[in-house]
C-alpha atoms as a PDB file:
ATOM      1  CA  MET A   1     104.166 106.042 119.478  1.00  0.00           C
ATOM      2  CA  MET A   2     104.964 104.303 116.615  1.00  0.00           C
ATOM      3  CA  ASP A   3     106.971 100.909 116.251  1.00  0.00           C
ATOM      4  CA  ALA A   4     110.256 101.932 114.323  1.00  0.00           C
ATOM      5  CA  LYS A   5     110.372  98.440 112.394  1.00  0.00           C
ATOM      6  CA  ILE A   6     106.391  98.596 111.444  1.00  0.00           C
ATOM      7  CA  THR A   7     106.904 101.957 109.860  1.00  0.00           C
ATOM      8  CA  SER A   8     110.212 101.313 108.125  1.00  0.00           C
ATOM      9  CA  ARG A   9     108.099  98.423 106.544  1.00  0.00           C
ATOM     10  CA  PHE A  10     105.212 100.501 105.290  1.00  0.00           C
ATOM     11  CA  GLN A  11     107.970 103.114 104.372  1.00  0.00           C
ATOM     12  CA  GLY A  12     109.897 100.686 102.049  1.00  0.00           C
ATOM     13  CA  ALA A  13     106.498  99.759 100.081  1.00  0.00           C
ATOM     14  CA  GLY A  14     106.361 103.707  99.265  1.00  0.00           C
ATOM     15  CA  LEU A  15     103.806 104.428 102.056  1.00  0.00           C
ATOM     16  CA  GLU A  16     103.195 107.668 103.762  1.00  0.00           C
ATOM     17  CA  VAL A  17     103.127 106.602 107.642  1.00  0.00           C
ATOM     18  CA  ILE A  18      99.962 109.211 109.402  1.00  0.00           C
ATOM     19  CA  GLY A  19     100.383 107.391 112.630  1.00  0.00           C
ATOM     20  CA  GLY A  20      98.779 104.412 114.593  1.00  0.00           C
ATOM     21  CA  PHE A  21      94.879 103.800 114.507  1.00  0.00           C
ATOM     22  CA  SER A  22      92.947 103.030 117.664  1.00  0.00           C
ATOM     23  CA  GLU A  23      89.708 103.704 116.939  1.00  0.00           C
ATOM     24  CA  SER A  24      87.292 101.343 117.728  1.00  0.00           C
ATOM     25  CA  GLN A  25      84.679 101.747 114.550  1.00  0.00           C
ATOM     26  CA  GLY A  26      84.962  99.036 112.381  1.00  0.00           C
ATOM     27  CA  PRO A  27      86.640  95.460 112.068  1.00  0.00           C
ATOM     28  CA  SER A  28      89.751  94.868 113.953  1.00  0.00           C
ATOM     29  CA  VAL A  29      92.723  93.284 112.108  1.00  0.00           C
ATOM     30  CA  THR A  30      91.834  89.888 113.279  1.00  0.00           C
ATOM     31  CA  VAL A  31      88.478  90.170 112.097  1.00  0.00           C
ATOM     32  CA  ALA A  32      89.333  91.787 108.783  1.00  0.00           C
ATOM     33  CA  PHE A  33      91.669  88.606 108.137  1.00  0.00           C
ATOM     34  CA  ARG A  34      89.780  85.903 109.477  1.00  0.00           C
ATOM     35  CA  ARG A  35      86.717  87.234 106.661  1.00  0.00           C
ATOM     36  CA  VAL A  36      89.314  87.504 103.845  1.00  0.00           C
ATOM     37  CA  VAL A  37      91.559  84.987 104.337  1.00  0.00           C
ATOM     38  CA  HIS A  38      89.820  81.326 104.697  1.00  0.00           C
ATOM     39  CA  ILE A  39      89.927  78.347 102.850  1.00  0.00           C
ATOM     40  CA  ASP A  40      86.372  79.487 100.563  1.00  0.00           C
ATOM     41  CA  ALA A  41      87.885  83.016 100.110  1.00  0.00           C
ATOM     42  CA  GLU A  42      87.736  83.696  95.644  1.00  0.00           C
ATOM     43  CA  PRO A  43      89.603  86.073  94.640  1.00  0.00           C
ATOM     44  CA  VAL A  44      88.553  89.112  92.041  1.00  0.00           C
ATOM     45  CA  ASP A  45      91.701  88.919  90.472  1.00  0.00           C
ATOM     46  CA  ARG A  46      94.354  86.434  90.331  1.00  0.00           C
ATOM     47  CA  ILE A  47      97.511  86.858  88.349  1.00  0.00           C
ATOM     48  CA  GLN A  48     100.021  84.265  87.941  1.00  0.00           C
ATOM     49  CA  ARG A  49     103.507  84.523  90.163  1.00  0.00           C
ATOM     50  CA  ASN A  50     106.013  83.664  87.293  1.00  0.00           C
ATOM     51  CA  GLN A  51     104.832  85.541  84.523  1.00  0.00           C
ATOM     52  CA  ILE A  52     106.863  88.748  83.420  1.00  0.00           C
ATOM     53  CA  GLY A  53     105.718  91.759  85.461  1.00  0.00           C
ATOM     54  CA  ALA A  54     103.285  89.799  88.114  1.00  0.00           C
ATOM     55  CA  ALA A  55     104.356  92.171  90.979  1.00  0.00           C
ATOM     56  CA  ARG A  56     103.666  95.274  89.168  1.00  0.00           C
ATOM     57  CA  ARG A  57     100.022  93.880  87.827  1.00  0.00           C
ATOM     58  CA  VAL A  58      99.640  93.055  91.630  1.00  0.00           C
ATOM     59  CA  ASP A  59     100.375  96.599  92.538  1.00  0.00           C
ATOM     60  CA  GLU A  60      98.017  98.115  90.172  1.00  0.00           C
ATOM     61  CA  SER A  61      95.085  95.507  90.375  1.00  0.00           C
ATOM     62  CA  TRP A  62      95.234  96.067  94.189  1.00  0.00           C
ATOM     63  CA  LYS A  63      95.064  99.897  93.879  1.00  0.00           C
ATOM     64  CA  ASP A  64      92.635  99.728  91.612  1.00  0.00           C
ATOM     65  CA  ARG A  65      90.249  97.922  93.219  1.00  0.00           C
ATOM     66  CA  ALA A  66      91.030  99.582  96.644  1.00  0.00           C
ATOM     67  CA  ARG A  67      90.061 102.833  95.003  1.00  0.00           C
ATOM     68  CA  SER A  68      87.224 101.788  93.033  1.00  0.00           C
ATOM     69  CA  GLY A  69      85.772 100.126  96.186  1.00  0.00           C
ATOM     70  CA  GLY A  70      86.294 103.263  98.617  1.00  0.00           C
ATOM     71  CA  VAL A  71      89.159 101.596 100.582  1.00  0.00           C
ATOM     72  CA  VAL A  72      91.367 104.255  99.545  1.00  0.00           C
ATOM     73  CA  ALA A  73      90.187 107.358 100.543  1.00  0.00           C
ATOM     74  CA  ASP A  74      90.268 110.652  98.040  1.00  0.00           C
ATOM     75  CA  ASP A  75      93.454 112.055  99.607  1.00  0.00           C
ATOM     76  CA  GLY A  76      94.918 108.452  99.321  1.00  0.00           C
ATOM     77  CA  SER A  77      94.526 107.330 102.772  1.00  0.00           C
ATOM     78  CA  PHE A  78      93.495 104.170 104.444  1.00  0.00           C
ATOM     79  CA  LEU A  79      94.317 101.525 106.830  1.00  0.00           C
ATOM     80  CA  ALA A  80      96.928  98.772 106.698  1.00  0.00           C
ATOM     81  CA  ALA A  81      97.012  95.885 109.247  1.00  0.00           C
ATOM     82  CA  ALA A  82     100.734  96.141 110.901  1.00  0.00           C
ATOM     83  CA  GLY A  83      99.724  92.791 112.442  1.00  0.00           C
ATOM     84  CA  MET A  84      97.280  91.028 114.782  1.00  0.00           C
ATOM     85  CA  ASP A  85      99.047  92.496 117.817  1.00  0.00           C
ATOM     86  CA  TYR A  86      99.597  95.832 116.715  1.00  0.00           C
ATOM     87  CA  GLY A  87      96.091  96.575 114.751  1.00  0.00           C
ATOM     88  CA  TRP A  88      95.675  98.858 111.970  1.00  0.00           C
ATOM     89  CA  VAL A  89      98.416 101.437 111.087  1.00  0.00           C
ATOM     90  CA  HIS A  90      96.924 105.109 109.187  1.00  0.00           C
ATOM     91  CA  VAL A  91      98.852 104.999 106.138  1.00  0.00           C
ATOM     92  CA  ARG A  92      98.468 107.085 102.318  1.00  0.00           C
ATOM     93  CA  LEU A  93      99.974 105.890  99.013  1.00  0.00           C
ATOM     94  CA  THR A  94     102.591 108.115  97.235  1.00  0.00           C
ATOM     95  CA  GLU A  95     103.431 108.354  93.849  1.00  0.00           C
ATOM     96  CA  ASN A  96     106.506 105.666  94.675  1.00  0.00           C
ATOM     97  CA  ALA A  97     103.890 103.318  96.705  1.00  0.00           C
ATOM     98  CA  ASP A  98     104.173  99.741  95.827  1.00  0.00           C
ATOM     99  CA  ILE A  99     102.101  97.279  97.869  1.00  0.00           C
ATOM    100  CA  SER A 100     104.110  94.246  96.235  1.00  0.00           C
ATOM    101  CA  ALA A 101     107.093  95.571  98.208  1.00  0.00           C
ATOM    102  CA  MET A 102     105.437  94.487 101.105  1.00  0.00           C
ATOM    103  CA  GLU A 103     106.552  90.505 100.404  1.00  0.00           C
ATOM    104  CA  ASP A 104     108.306  88.897 103.056  1.00  0.00           C
ATOM    105  CA  PRO A 105     111.530  87.395 102.460  1.00  0.00           C
ATOM    106  CA  GLU A 106     110.412  84.279 101.283  1.00  0.00           C
ATOM    107  CA  GLY A 107     108.332  85.850  98.884  1.00  0.00           C
ATOM    108  CA  GLY A 108     104.742  86.075 100.581  1.00  0.00           C
ATOM    109  CA  LEU A 109     102.475  88.421 100.429  1.00  0.00           C
ATOM    110  CA  LEU A 110      99.784  89.236 102.516  1.00  0.00           C
ATOM    111  CA  PHE A 111      98.818  93.110 102.775  1.00  0.00           C
ATOM    112  CA  ILE A 112      95.231  93.869 104.140  1.00  0.00           C
ATOM    113  CA  ALA A 113      94.010  97.297 104.154  1.00  0.00           C
ATOM    114  CA  ARG A 114      90.333  98.625 104.944  1.00  0.00           C
ATOM    115  CA  SER A 115      88.351 101.998 104.656  1.00  0.00           C
ATOM    116  CA  LEU A 116      89.059 104.621 107.314  1.00  0.00           C
ATOM    117  CA  SER A 117      84.634 103.857 108.221  1.00  0.00           C
ATOM    118  CA  GLY A 118      85.605  99.892 108.030  1.00  0.00           C
ATOM    119  CA  HIS A 119      83.080  99.320 105.575  1.00  0.00           C
ATOM    120  CA  ARG A 120      85.187  97.676 103.164  1.00  0.00           C
ATOM    121  CA  VAL A 121      88.611  95.593 103.475  1.00  0.00           C
ATOM    122  CA  CYS A 122      90.762  94.786  99.999  1.00  0.00           C
ATOM    123  CA  ALA A 123      93.966  92.791 100.244  1.00  0.00           C
ATOM    124  CA  ALA A 124      96.604  91.185  98.328  1.00  0.00           C
ATOM    125  CA  SER A 125      98.425  87.771  99.197  1.00  0.00           C
ATOM    126  CA  THR A 126      99.942  84.715  97.620  1.00  0.00           C
ATOM    127  CA  GLU A 127      98.253  81.625  97.075  1.00  0.00           C
ATOM    128  CA  GLU A 128     100.468  78.784  95.746  1.00  0.00           C
ATOM    129  CA  GLY A 129     101.435  80.202  92.157  1.00  0.00           C
ATOM    130  CA  GLU A 130      99.365  83.289  91.769  1.00  0.00           C
ATOM    131  CA  TYR A 131      98.564  86.475  93.768  1.00  0.00           C
ATOM    132  CA  TRP A 132      95.614  86.987  94.563  1.00  0.00           C
ATOM    133  CA  ILE A 133      93.541  90.167  95.127  1.00  0.00           C
ATOM    134  CA  LEU A 134      90.248  89.535  97.705  1.00  0.00           C
ATOM    135  CA  GLU A 135      87.693  92.122  99.083  1.00  0.00           C
ATOM    136  CA  VAL A 136      84.955  91.456 101.726  1.00  0.00           C
ATOM    137  CA  ASP A 137      82.439  94.351 102.547  1.00  0.00           C
ATOM    138  CA  PHE A 138      81.431  95.049 105.947  1.00  0.00           C
ATOM    139  CA  PRO A 139      78.051  96.659 105.646  1.00  0.00           C
ATOM    140  CA  GLU A 140      77.583  97.002 109.547  1.00  0.00           C
ATOM    141  CA  PHE A 141      79.890 100.099 109.064  1.00  0.00           C
ATOM    142  CA  SER A 142      78.567 101.767 105.597  1.00  0.00           C
ATOM    143  CA  GLN A 143      77.988 105.568 105.830  1.00  0.00           C
ATOM    144  CA  PRO A 144      74.738 106.500 104.144  1.00  0.00           C
ATOM    145  CA  ASP A 145      76.363 108.488 101.639  1.00  0.00           C
ATOM    146  CA  GLU A 146      79.070 105.326 101.357  1.00  0.00           C
ATOM    147  CA  ARG A 147      76.391 102.534 100.303  1.00  0.00           C
ATOM    148  CA  VAL A 148      76.677 101.584  96.702  1.00  0.00           C
ATOM    149  CA  SER A 149      73.323 100.709  95.234  1.00  0.00           C
END
């Protein structure tokens, strides 16, 4: 059964919660977190937090990168990190989805998502005065038809 607080948090960001995800294929939340958020991480996009429209821009940039990188499936579904202890939650983008709404009360953002297969992770985070979009590939989980040449 899904935790009501977790469900509410994802729904508050406009995501449809499909359910928990317990399949063992693909990296765990902990492994994904350690690979995507570290001192040498290089963002694929940087957005100044104090600029007008920054929240909209981080949402759009994350969606563009997640879709183009195959994190988001054709039906809009993907796995979102609900925390190290809880693991992944199967969610779907809706027309009202806004990743920036996942910010915590102090203004920090850490949203980690992975493809259903586990081949790629795409994250949005805050680093000092910027939003960062980060990507990490897990080629060990790629399906033959998912490999990009």
